[in-house]
Amino acid sequence: VDLVESGGGSVQAGGSLRLSCSASGEFVDNDVCMAWFRQAPGKGLEAVAVIGYESVTIYAESVKGRFTISKGNAKNSVNLKMNRLEPEDTAVYYCAAEAQCLDNQWYYLKERAFYEYWGQGTQVTVSP
């Protein structure tokens, strides 16, 4: 299974972007958790938003109220709508997925090791 992200780009602070991620191929089952991570220059990878088991959505504190994660129309696809973007949101954004997922707790879903499948990343740049 390959994950492909799209929708990155450059925007001024206060603007919006929408990222999309689609999976090619089939997962082993329908219990798929999907997430968005990001890595800013010189920093580590951090979870931004996840859709867990039974479609529970969870967000990092830094993006609550500004970002919205949702399932796409296509099976095993996910979107991230980002509003009121800040320069601190500048990063490479990665889509991640894990099949046979029965978790809906941030404690587990925020960890990169939880996910088997990863996209190549898409750049988001927010200028002041």
C-alpha atoms as a PDB file:
ATOM      1  CA  VAL A   1       0.000   0.000   0.000  1.00  0.00           C
ATOM      2  CA  ASP A   2       1.327   3.417  -0.978  1.00  0.00           C
ATOM      3  CA  LEU A   3       0.168   6.716   0.481  1.00  0.00           C
ATOM      4  CA  VAL A   4       0.269   9.821  -1.696  1.00  0.00           C
ATOM      5  CA  GLU A   5      -0.126  13.325  -0.294  1.00  0.00           C
ATOM      6  CA  SER A   6      -1.159  16.418  -2.196  1.00  0.00           C
ATOM      7  CA  GLY A   7      -2.152  19.991  -1.490  1.00  0.00           C
ATOM      8  CA  GLY A   8       0.933  21.499   0.058  1.00  0.00           C
ATOM      9  CA  GLY A   9       2.191  24.927  -0.920  1.00  0.00           C
ATOM     10  CA  SER A  10       3.000  28.406   0.274  1.00  0.00           C
ATOM     11  CA  VAL A  11       0.610  30.759   1.997  1.00  0.00           C
ATOM     12  CA  GLN A  12       0.739  33.883   4.111  1.00  0.00           C
ATOM     13  CA  ALA A  13       0.015  33.792   7.812  1.00  0.00           C
ATOM     14  CA  GLY A  14      -3.698  33.638   8.469  1.00  0.00           C
ATOM     15  CA  GLY A  15      -4.366  31.761   5.252  1.00  0.00           C
ATOM     16  CA  SER A  16      -5.644  28.241   4.649  1.00  0.00           C
ATOM     17  CA  LEU A  17      -4.523  25.070   2.911  1.00  0.00           C
ATOM     18  CA  ARG A  18      -6.066  21.657   2.455  1.00  0.00           C
ATOM     19  CA  LEU A  19      -3.944  18.525   2.340  1.00  0.00           C
ATOM     20  CA  SER A  20      -5.176  15.225   0.946  1.00  0.00           C
ATOM     21  CA  CYS A  21      -3.852  11.695   1.239  1.00  0.00           C
ATOM     22  CA  SER A  22      -4.950   8.669  -0.733  1.00  0.00           C
ATOM     23  CA  ALA A  23      -3.937   5.049  -0.392  1.00  0.00           C
ATOM     24  CA  SER A  24      -3.333   2.858  -3.380  1.00  0.00           C
ATOM     25  CA  GLY A  25      -3.867  -0.834  -2.831  1.00  0.00           C
ATOM     26  CA  GLU A  26      -5.892  -2.565  -0.158  1.00  0.00           C
ATOM     27  CA  PHE A  27      -5.243  -2.811   3.544  1.00  0.00           C
ATOM     28  CA  VAL A  28      -5.738  -6.175   5.229  1.00  0.00           C
ATOM     29  CA  ASP A  29      -8.946  -5.001   6.876  1.00  0.00           C
ATOM     30  CA  ASN A  30     -11.265  -2.026   7.220  1.00  0.00           C
ATOM     31  CA  ASP A  31     -10.055  -0.888  10.642  1.00  0.00           C
ATOM     32  CA  VAL A  32      -7.550   1.648   9.388  1.00  0.00           C
ATOM     33  CA  CYS A  33      -6.298   4.532  11.498  1.00  0.00           C
ATOM     34  CA  MET A  34      -4.874   7.466   9.587  1.00  0.00           C
ATOM     35  CA  ALA A  35      -2.856  10.435  10.739  1.00  0.00           C
ATOM     36  CA  TRP A  36      -0.997  13.537   9.724  1.00  0.00           C
ATOM     37  CA  PHE A  37       2.469  14.206  11.061  1.00  0.00           C
ATOM     38  CA  ARG A  38       4.822  17.073  10.378  1.00  0.00           C
ATOM     39  CA  GLN A  39       8.498  17.830  10.636  1.00  0.00           C
ATOM     40  CA  ALA A  40       9.635  21.416  10.843  1.00  0.00           C
ATOM     41  CA  PRO A  41      13.192  22.413   9.908  1.00  0.00           C
ATOM     42  CA  GLY A  42      15.591  21.273  12.615  1.00  0.00           C
ATOM     43  CA  LYS A  43      12.872  19.600  14.652  1.00  0.00           C
ATOM     44  CA  GLY A  44      11.574  16.105  15.178  1.00  0.00           C
ATOM     45  CA  LEU A  45       8.513  14.457  13.702  1.00  0.00           C
ATOM     46  CA  GLU A  46       5.300  15.286  15.550  1.00  0.00           C
ATOM     47  CA  ALA A  47       1.729  14.095  15.233  1.00  0.00           C
ATOM     48  CA  VAL A  48      -0.722  16.790  14.200  1.00  0.00           C
ATOM     49  CA  ALA A  49      -4.074  15.028  13.894  1.00  0.00           C
ATOM     50  CA  VAL A  50      -5.357  11.473  13.787  1.00  0.00           C
ATOM     51  CA  ILE A  51      -8.478   9.521  12.931  1.00  0.00           C
ATOM     52  CA  GLY A  52      -8.552   6.528  15.203  1.00  0.00           C
ATOM     53  CA  TYR A  53     -10.808   3.548  15.690  1.00  0.00           C
ATOM     54  CA  GLU A  54     -14.490   4.316  15.169  1.00  0.00           C
ATOM     55  CA  SER A  55     -13.428   7.554  13.489  1.00  0.00           C
ATOM     56  CA  VAL A  56     -12.442   9.292  16.694  1.00  0.00           C
ATOM     57  CA  THR A  57     -10.478  12.446  15.813  1.00  0.00           C
ATOM     58  CA  ILE A  58      -7.725  13.808  18.033  1.00  0.00           C
ATOM     59  CA  TYR A  59      -5.495  16.852  17.609  1.00  0.00           C
ATOM     60  CA  ALA A  60      -2.226  18.159  18.917  1.00  0.00           C
ATOM     61  CA  GLU A  61      -2.733  21.124  21.239  1.00  0.00           C
ATOM     62  CA  SER A  62      -0.865  23.412  18.869  1.00  0.00           C
ATOM     63  CA  VAL A  63      -3.447  22.968  16.096  1.00  0.00           C
ATOM     64  CA  LYS A  64      -6.717  22.525  17.992  1.00  0.00           C
ATOM     65  CA  GLY A  65      -9.383  24.841  16.686  1.00  0.00           C
ATOM     66  CA  ARG A  66      -7.417  25.578  13.506  1.00  0.00           C
ATOM     67  CA  PHE A  67      -6.968  22.201  11.801  1.00  0.00           C
ATOM     68  CA  THR A  68      -9.632  19.646  10.899  1.00  0.00           C
ATOM     69  CA  ILE A  69      -8.938  16.061   9.902  1.00  0.00           C
ATOM     70  CA  SER A  70     -11.603  14.159   7.998  1.00  0.00           C
ATOM     71  CA  LYS A  71     -12.049  11.069   5.919  1.00  0.00           C
ATOM     72  CA  GLY A  72     -12.029  11.602   2.184  1.00  0.00           C
ATOM     73  CA  ASN A  73     -14.675  10.435  -0.231  1.00  0.00           C
ATOM     74  CA  ALA A  74     -12.468   7.631  -1.501  1.00  0.00           C
ATOM     75  CA  LYS A  75     -11.876   4.623   0.700  1.00  0.00           C
ATOM     76  CA  ASN A  76      -8.788   4.952   2.892  1.00  0.00           C
ATOM     77  CA  SER A  77      -8.256   8.603   2.156  1.00  0.00           C
ATOM     78  CA  VAL A  78      -7.906  11.464   4.589  1.00  0.00           C
ATOM     79  CA  ASN A  79      -7.855  15.242   4.421  1.00  0.00           C
ATOM     80  CA  LEU A  80      -6.408  17.929   6.635  1.00  0.00           C
ATOM     81  CA  LYS A  81      -7.961  21.374   6.427  1.00  0.00           C
ATOM     82  CA  MET A  82      -5.636  23.941   7.924  1.00  0.00           C
ATOM     83  CA  ASN A  83      -6.993  27.381   8.785  1.00  0.00           C
ATOM     84  CA  ARG A  84      -5.381  30.420  10.399  1.00  0.00           C
ATOM     85  CA  LEU A  85      -1.963  29.127   9.475  1.00  0.00           C
ATOM     86  CA  GLU A  86       1.038  30.450  11.363  1.00  0.00           C
ATOM     87  CA  PRO A  87       4.719  30.573  10.395  1.00  0.00           C
ATOM     88  CA  GLU A  88       5.277  27.917  13.060  1.00  0.00           C
ATOM     89  CA  ASP A  89       3.179  25.533  10.959  1.00  0.00           C
ATOM     90  CA  THR A  90       5.873  25.515   8.272  1.00  0.00           C
ATOM     91  CA  ALA A  91       6.954  21.897   7.857  1.00  0.00           C
ATOM     92  CA  VAL A  92       6.893  18.835   5.672  1.00  0.00           C
ATOM     93  CA  TYR A  93       3.567  17.123   6.314  1.00  0.00           C
ATOM     94  CA  TYR A  94       3.312  13.337   6.155  1.00  0.00           C
ATOM     95  CA  CYS A  95       0.315  11.063   5.924  1.00  0.00           C
ATOM     96  CA  ALA A  96       0.476   7.803   7.870  1.00  0.00           C
ATOM     97  CA  ALA A  97      -1.767   4.748   8.171  1.00  0.00           C
ATOM     98  CA  GLU A  98      -2.047   1.610  10.205  1.00  0.00           C
ATOM     99  CA  ALA A  99      -4.374  -1.311   9.494  1.00  0.00           C
ATOM    100  CA  GLN A 100      -6.010  -3.577  12.054  1.00  0.00           C
ATOM    101  CA  CYS A 101      -6.209  -0.517  14.245  1.00  0.00           C
ATOM    102  CA  LEU A 102      -8.466  -0.665  17.296  1.00  0.00           C
ATOM    103  CA  ASP A 103      -7.000   2.309  19.141  1.00  0.00           C
ATOM    104  CA  ASN A 104      -8.482   5.751  19.668  1.00  0.00           C
ATOM    105  CA  GLN A 105      -6.150   7.172  22.278  1.00  0.00           C
ATOM    106  CA  TRP A 106      -3.689   9.955  21.599  1.00  0.00           C
ATOM    107  CA  TYR A 107      -1.131   8.251  23.787  1.00  0.00           C
ATOM    108  CA  TYR A 108      -0.682   5.566  21.144  1.00  0.00           C
ATOM    109  CA  LEU A 109      -1.798   7.272  17.951  1.00  0.00           C
ATOM    110  CA  LYS A 110       0.683  10.149  18.250  1.00  0.00           C
ATOM    111  CA  GLU A 111       3.683   7.821  18.020  1.00  0.00           C
ATOM    112  CA  ARG A 112       5.396   7.406  14.670  1.00  0.00           C
ATOM    113  CA  ALA A 113       6.193   3.771  15.508  1.00  0.00           C
ATOM    114  CA  PHE A 114       2.461   3.032  15.577  1.00  0.00           C
ATOM    115  CA  TYR A 115       2.149   3.411  11.810  1.00  0.00           C
ATOM    116  CA  GLU A 116       3.373   1.023   9.166  1.00  0.00           C
ATOM    117  CA  TYR A 117       2.510   3.027   6.067  1.00  0.00           C
ATOM    118  CA  TRP A 118       3.858   6.477   5.228  1.00  0.00           C
ATOM    119  CA  GLY A 119       3.636   8.943   2.403  1.00  0.00           C
ATOM    120  CA  GLN A 120       6.551  10.862   0.919  1.00  0.00           C
ATOM    121  CA  GLY A 121       5.519  14.170   2.431  1.00  0.00           C
ATOM    122  CA  THR A 122       4.333  17.511   1.131  1.00  0.00           C
ATOM    123  CA  GLN A 123       5.831  20.897   1.958  1.00  0.00           C
ATOM    124  CA  VAL A 124       3.773  23.584   3.680  1.00  0.00           C
ATOM    125  CA  THR A 125       5.363  27.020   3.978  1.00  0.00           C
ATOM    126  CA  VAL A 126       3.715  29.857   5.887  1.00  0.00           C
ATOM    127  CA  SER A 127       5.231  33.301   5.543  1.00  0.00           C
ATOM    128  CA  PRO A 128       4.743  36.085   8.129  1.00  0.00           C
END
